Amino acid sequence: MLQQAGETMPAPSAEALTATPLMIELADARVIAVSRQPLKGGGWVALHEDVTERHRQEQEIIHLARHEPLINLANRTLFKEQLQQALQRMARGQGFAVLCLDLDRFKAVNDNRGHPIGDALLKRVSERLLSCVRQGDLVARLGGDDSPSFRRARATRTRPNPWRGGSSKP
C-alpha cells in the first residue's frame, strides 16, 4: 500500500509492522519503504529505504501489461477488467455504454502503404478518440482495427462533434 506523505492512517498491528514494509510517497515523488522489527528487550529497529526506482519500474510493468505499447490505449485485459467492474456497478443501478469502432480498409493501408504508415494512422486515430472522451472514460484497442470506447453514464452537456470539424471543448 502506498501512503502519501502527511496522510494519517490507523496504527497497524505489530504483526503488520514486521510483515510488509510501509510505502510512503513523499511530496517530491520519492517512494520510501519503512520496515520495522521489534527488539527482544523492547523498542524497534526501523529501516528506511528509497525504493523510488523500483516502484516506478513496477508501475511501468503494470501499465505495459494493460496498455498497447504503440498507441498507449488500454488493451483487451484492461478493457475486460473495466467491463466487469461496470457490470457490477450496473447491478447497483449505475449505467454505462460501450461504443465499438472499426477502421475500414485498415489492412489495405498496412499492405499498400506499409506498417509505419499504418502505425502512424493508429496513433492519430487514438489521439482523436482520446480527445473526444471525458476524464475517467476508457478507450481500448482489442486488436487489429477494433477500438471500443467505454463510457460511464452521467449527465453531461451536449458537445459539438470534433469528427465533423467542431470543437471538443464543452
C-alpha atoms as a PDB file:
ATOM      1  CA  MET A   1       0.000   0.000   0.000  1.00  0.00           C
ATOM      2  CA  LEU A   2       1.298   3.447  -0.931  1.00  0.00           C
ATOM      3  CA  GLN A   3       0.723   6.242   1.548  1.00  0.00           C
ATOM      4  CA  GLN A   4       1.031   9.918   0.663  1.00  0.00           C
ATOM      5  CA  ALA A   5       3.307  11.965   2.943  1.00  0.00           C
ATOM      6  CA  GLY A   6       1.296  13.717   5.637  1.00  0.00           C
ATOM      7  CA  GLU A   7      -1.629  11.288   5.299  1.00  0.00           C
ATOM      8  CA  THR A   8      -2.804   9.807   8.603  1.00  0.00           C
ATOM      9  CA  MET A   9      -3.580   6.132   8.847  1.00  0.00           C
ATOM     10  CA  PRO A  10      -4.758   3.959  11.747  1.00  0.00           C
ATOM     11  CA  ALA A  11      -1.939   2.387  13.762  1.00  0.00           C
ATOM     12  CA  PRO A  12      -1.096  -1.043  12.333  1.00  0.00           C
ATOM     13  CA  SER A  13      -0.738  -4.139  14.474  1.00  0.00           C
ATOM     14  CA  ALA A  14       2.730  -5.381  15.491  1.00  0.00           C
ATOM     15  CA  GLU A  15       2.396  -8.271  13.021  1.00  0.00           C
ATOM     16  CA  ALA A  16       1.585  -5.887  10.194  1.00  0.00           C
ATOM     17  CA  LEU A  17       4.544  -3.683  11.059  1.00  0.00           C
ATOM     18  CA  THR A  18       7.027  -6.525  10.628  1.00  0.00           C
ATOM     19  CA  ALA A  19       5.298  -8.363   7.770  1.00  0.00           C
ATOM     20  CA  THR A  20       5.143  -5.785   4.969  1.00  0.00           C
ATOM     21  CA  PRO A  21       7.053  -2.535   4.598  1.00  0.00           C
ATOM     22  CA  LEU A  22       5.004   0.649   4.756  1.00  0.00           C
ATOM     23  CA  MET A  23       5.357   2.509   1.434  1.00  0.00           C
ATOM     24  CA  ILE A  24       5.344   6.309   1.709  1.00  0.00           C
ATOM     25  CA  GLU A  25       5.275   8.630  -1.315  1.00  0.00           C
ATOM     26  CA  LEU A  26       6.898  11.955  -0.498  1.00  0.00           C
ATOM     27  CA  ALA A  27       5.912  15.322  -1.970  1.00  0.00           C
ATOM     28  CA  ASP A  28       8.949  15.203  -4.297  1.00  0.00           C
ATOM     29  CA  ALA A  29       7.656  11.869  -5.764  1.00  0.00           C
ATOM     30  CA  ARG A  30      10.260   9.708  -3.991  1.00  0.00           C
ATOM     31  CA  VAL A  31       8.927   6.466  -2.524  1.00  0.00           C
ATOM     32  CA  ILE A  32      10.304   5.270   0.813  1.00  0.00           C
ATOM     33  CA  ALA A  33       9.764   1.767   2.211  1.00  0.00           C
ATOM     34  CA  VAL A  34       9.744   1.649   6.006  1.00  0.00           C
ATOM     35  CA  SER A  35      10.324  -1.748   7.614  1.00  0.00           C
ATOM     36  CA  ARG A  36      10.196  -2.250  11.386  1.00  0.00           C
ATOM     37  CA  GLN A  37      11.423  -5.066  13.528  1.00  0.00           C
ATOM     38  CA  PRO A  38      10.732  -5.330  17.290  1.00  0.00           C
ATOM     39  CA  LEU A  39      13.693  -5.882  19.615  1.00  0.00           C
ATOM     40  CA  LYS A  40      13.651  -8.563  22.321  1.00  0.00           C
ATOM     41  CA  GLY A  41      14.188  -6.128  25.180  1.00  0.00           C
ATOM     42  CA  GLY A  42      11.617  -3.655  23.822  1.00  0.00           C
ATOM     43  CA  GLY A  43      11.776  -0.965  21.203  1.00  0.00           C
ATOM     44  CA  TRP A  44      12.087  -1.161  17.441  1.00  0.00           C
ATOM     45  CA  VAL A  45      14.639  -1.109  14.661  1.00  0.00           C
ATOM     46  CA  ALA A  46      13.367   0.750  11.604  1.00  0.00           C
ATOM     47  CA  LEU A  47      14.838   0.625   8.105  1.00  0.00           C
ATOM     48  CA  HIS A  48      14.016   3.435   5.663  1.00  0.00           C
ATOM     49  CA  GLU A  49      14.844   2.547   2.059  1.00  0.00           C
ATOM     50  CA  ASP A  50      14.432   4.720  -1.043  1.00  0.00           C
ATOM     51  CA  VAL A  51      12.588   2.402  -3.480  1.00  0.00           C
ATOM     52  CA  THR A  52      11.584   5.114  -5.966  1.00  0.00           C
ATOM     53  CA  GLU A  53      13.179   3.483  -8.997  1.00  0.00           C
ATOM     54  CA  ARG A  54      11.838   0.007  -8.158  1.00  0.00           C
ATOM     55  CA  HIS A  55       8.346   1.431  -7.573  1.00  0.00           C
ATOM     56  CA  ARG A  56       8.489   3.320 -10.911  1.00  0.00           C
ATOM     57  CA  GLN A  57       9.547   0.141 -12.718  1.00  0.00           C
ATOM     58  CA  GLU A  58       6.759  -1.877 -11.069  1.00  0.00           C
ATOM     59  CA  GLN A  59       4.204   0.754 -12.090  1.00  0.00           C
ATOM     60  CA  GLU A  60       5.557   0.725 -15.647  1.00  0.00           C
ATOM     61  CA  ILE A  61       5.261  -3.075 -15.825  1.00  0.00           C
ATOM     62  CA  ILE A  62       1.671  -2.878 -14.561  1.00  0.00           C
ATOM     63  CA  HIS A  63       0.908  -0.184 -17.160  1.00  0.00           C
ATOM     64  CA  LEU A  64       2.510  -2.154 -20.015  1.00  0.00           C
ATOM     65  CA  ALA A  65       0.536  -5.270 -19.070  1.00  0.00           C
ATOM     66  CA  ARG A  66      -2.734  -3.361 -19.606  1.00  0.00           C
ATOM     67  CA  HIS A  67      -1.927  -0.994 -22.496  1.00  0.00           C
ATOM     68  CA  GLU A  68      -0.949  -1.224 -26.144  1.00  0.00           C
ATOM     69  CA  PRO A  69       2.677  -0.040 -26.320  1.00  0.00           C
ATOM     70  CA  LEU A  70       2.403   1.583 -29.771  1.00  0.00           C
ATOM     71  CA  ILE A  71      -0.592   3.829 -29.100  1.00  0.00           C
ATOM     72  CA  ASN A  72      -0.856   3.693 -25.294  1.00  0.00           C
ATOM     73  CA  LEU A  73      -4.535   2.737 -25.343  1.00  0.00           C
ATOM     74  CA  ALA A  74      -5.960   0.185 -22.935  1.00  0.00           C
ATOM     75  CA  ASN A  75      -5.661  -3.388 -24.197  1.00  0.00           C
ATOM     76  CA  ARG A  76      -8.091  -6.302 -24.076  1.00  0.00           C
ATOM     77  CA  THR A  77      -7.071  -7.190 -20.488  1.00  0.00           C
ATOM     78  CA  LEU A  78      -7.823  -3.746 -19.042  1.00  0.00           C
ATOM     79  CA  PHE A  79     -10.995  -3.481 -21.138  1.00  0.00           C
ATOM     80  CA  LYS A  80     -12.302  -6.771 -19.677  1.00  0.00           C
ATOM     81  CA  GLU A  81     -11.431  -5.649 -16.135  1.00  0.00           C
ATOM     82  CA  GLN A  82     -13.244  -2.331 -16.584  1.00  0.00           C
ATOM     83  CA  LEU A  83     -16.212  -4.051 -18.224  1.00  0.00           C
ATOM     84  CA  GLN A  84     -16.538  -6.455 -15.282  1.00  0.00           C
ATOM     85  CA  GLN A  85     -16.481  -3.511 -12.858  1.00  0.00           C
ATOM     86  CA  ALA A  86     -19.106  -1.687 -14.930  1.00  0.00           C
ATOM     87  CA  LEU A  87     -21.356  -4.753 -14.915  1.00  0.00           C
ATOM     88  CA  GLN A  88     -21.090  -4.891 -11.122  1.00  0.00           C
ATOM     89  CA  ARG A  89     -21.985  -1.176 -10.906  1.00  0.00           C
ATOM     90  CA  MET A  90     -24.893  -1.799 -13.297  1.00  0.00           C
ATOM     91  CA  ALA A  91     -26.297  -4.307 -10.804  1.00  0.00           C
ATOM     92  CA  ARG A  92     -26.368  -1.386  -8.335  1.00  0.00           C
ATOM     93  CA  GLY A  93     -28.237   0.817 -10.812  1.00  0.00           C
ATOM     94  CA  GLN A  94     -25.344   2.680 -12.470  1.00  0.00           C
ATOM     95  CA  GLY A  95     -25.359   2.630 -16.261  1.00  0.00           C
ATOM     96  CA  PHE A  96     -22.605   2.621 -18.848  1.00  0.00           C
ATOM     97  CA  ALA A  97     -22.175   2.443 -22.606  1.00  0.00           C
ATOM     98  CA  VAL A  98     -19.762   0.638 -24.903  1.00  0.00           C
ATOM     99  CA  LEU A  99     -19.116   2.133 -28.321  1.00  0.00           C
ATOM    100  CA  CYS A 100     -17.291  -0.014 -30.891  1.00  0.00           C
ATOM    101  CA  LEU A 101     -15.407   1.385 -33.850  1.00  0.00           C
ATOM    102  CA  ASP A 102     -13.852  -0.416 -36.784  1.00  0.00           C
ATOM    103  CA  LEU A 103     -11.338   1.161 -39.152  1.00  0.00           C
ATOM    104  CA  ASP A 104     -12.487   0.191 -42.623  1.00  0.00           C
ATOM    105  CA  ARG A 105      -9.744  -0.929 -45.015  1.00  0.00           C
ATOM    106  CA  PHE A 106      -7.033  -0.636 -42.337  1.00  0.00           C
ATOM    107  CA  LYS A 107      -5.420  -3.868 -43.550  1.00  0.00           C
ATOM    108  CA  ALA A 108      -5.171  -2.319 -47.021  1.00  0.00           C
ATOM    109  CA  VAL A 109      -3.336   0.686 -45.551  1.00  0.00           C
ATOM    110  CA  ASN A 110      -0.786  -1.637 -43.926  1.00  0.00           C
ATOM    111  CA  ASP A 111      -0.468  -3.790 -47.054  1.00  0.00           C
ATOM    112  CA  ASN A 112      -0.231  -0.949 -49.603  1.00  0.00           C
ATOM    113  CA  ARG A 113       1.486   1.820 -47.617  1.00  0.00           C
ATOM    114  CA  GLY A 114       3.493  -0.206 -45.102  1.00  0.00           C
ATOM    115  CA  HIS A 115       3.343  -0.748 -41.367  1.00  0.00           C
ATOM    116  CA  PRO A 116       4.964   2.596 -40.428  1.00  0.00           C
ATOM    117  CA  ILE A 117       2.075   4.410 -42.164  1.00  0.00           C
ATOM    118  CA  GLY A 118      -0.453   2.061 -40.516  1.00  0.00           C
ATOM    119  CA  ASP A 119       1.162   2.723 -37.127  1.00  0.00           C
ATOM    120  CA  ALA A 120       1.006   6.480 -37.713  1.00  0.00           C
ATOM    121  CA  LEU A 121      -2.676   6.156 -38.649  1.00  0.00           C
ATOM    122  CA  LEU A 122      -3.402   4.186 -35.457  1.00  0.00           C
ATOM    123  CA  LYS A 123      -1.617   6.820 -33.364  1.00  0.00           C
ATOM    124  CA  ARG A 124      -3.609   9.630 -34.998  1.00  0.00           C
ATOM    125  CA  VAL A 125      -6.920   7.807 -34.549  1.00  0.00           C
ATOM    126  CA  SER A 126      -6.130   7.049 -30.896  1.00  0.00           C
ATOM    127  CA  GLU A 127      -5.285  10.725 -30.282  1.00  0.00           C
ATOM    128  CA  ARG A 128      -8.589  11.775 -31.862  1.00  0.00           C
ATOM    129  CA  LEU A 129     -10.551   9.225 -29.831  1.00  0.00           C
ATOM    130  CA  LEU A 130      -8.877  10.289 -26.590  1.00  0.00           C
ATOM    131  CA  SER A 131      -9.663  13.944 -27.330  1.00  0.00           C
ATOM    132  CA  CYS A 132     -13.367  13.051 -27.548  1.00  0.00           C
ATOM    133  CA  VAL A 133     -13.835  11.238 -24.238  1.00  0.00           C
ATOM    134  CA  ARG A 134     -14.132  12.516 -20.707  1.00  0.00           C
ATOM    135  CA  GLN A 135     -11.660  12.043 -17.871  1.00  0.00           C
ATOM    136  CA  GLY A 136     -12.281   8.558 -16.475  1.00  0.00           C
ATOM    137  CA  ASP A 137     -13.652   7.105 -19.728  1.00  0.00           C
ATOM    138  CA  LEU A 138     -11.727   4.259 -21.332  1.00  0.00           C
ATOM    139  CA  VAL A 139     -10.669   3.834 -24.952  1.00  0.00           C
ATOM    140  CA  ALA A 140      -9.226   0.419 -25.750  1.00  0.00           C
ATOM    141  CA  ARG A 141      -7.729  -1.410 -28.684  1.00  0.00           C
ATOM    142  CA  LEU A 142      -8.786  -5.035 -28.730  1.00  0.00           C
ATOM    143  CA  GLY A 143      -6.518  -5.935 -31.611  1.00  0.00           C
ATOM    144  CA  GLY A 144      -6.397  -5.246 -35.302  1.00  0.00           C
ATOM    145  CA  ASP A 145      -8.565  -2.251 -36.100  1.00  0.00           C
ATOM    146  CA  ASP A 146     -11.158  -2.611 -33.310  1.00  0.00           C
ATOM    147  CA  SER A 147     -11.260   0.251 -30.788  1.00  0.00           C
ATOM    148  CA  PRO A 148     -14.153   0.147 -28.330  1.00  0.00           C
ATOM    149  CA  SER A 149     -14.794   3.122 -26.103  1.00  0.00           C
ATOM    150  CA  PHE A 150     -16.107   2.605 -22.590  1.00  0.00           C
ATOM    151  CA  ARG A 151     -18.143   5.367 -21.025  1.00  0.00           C
ATOM    152  CA  ARG A 152     -19.649   5.646 -17.569  1.00  0.00           C
ATOM    153  CA  ALA A 153     -23.159   7.058 -17.593  1.00  0.00           C
ATOM    154  CA  ARG A 154     -23.502  10.536 -16.117  1.00  0.00           C
ATOM    155  CA  ALA A 155     -25.201  13.778 -17.044  1.00  0.00           C
ATOM    156  CA  THR A 156     -23.200  15.894 -19.497  1.00  0.00           C
ATOM    157  CA  ARG A 157     -23.711  18.894 -21.694  1.00  0.00           C
ATOM    158  CA  THR A 158     -24.051  18.299 -25.413  1.00  0.00           C
ATOM    159  CA  ARG A 159     -20.751  18.836 -27.201  1.00  0.00           C
ATOM    160  CA  PRO A 160     -20.109  19.526 -30.885  1.00  0.00           C
ATOM    161  CA  ASN A 161     -18.793  16.578 -32.847  1.00  0.00           C
ATOM    162  CA  PRO A 162     -14.992  17.003 -33.260  1.00  0.00           C
ATOM    163  CA  TRP A 163     -15.060  14.403 -36.061  1.00  0.00           C
ATOM    164  CA  ARG A 164     -17.082  16.862 -38.134  1.00  0.00           C
ATOM    165  CA  GLY A 165     -14.819  19.851 -37.504  1.00  0.00           C
ATOM    166  CA  GLY A 166     -16.455  21.116 -34.278  1.00  0.00           C
ATOM    167  CA  SER A 167     -14.655  21.821 -31.052  1.00  0.00           C
ATOM    168  CA  SER A 168     -14.432  19.077 -28.421  1.00  0.00           C
ATOM    169  CA  LYS A 169     -14.326  21.610 -25.584  1.00  0.00           C
ATOM    170  CA  PRO A 170     -17.580  21.997 -23.569  1.00  0.00           C
END
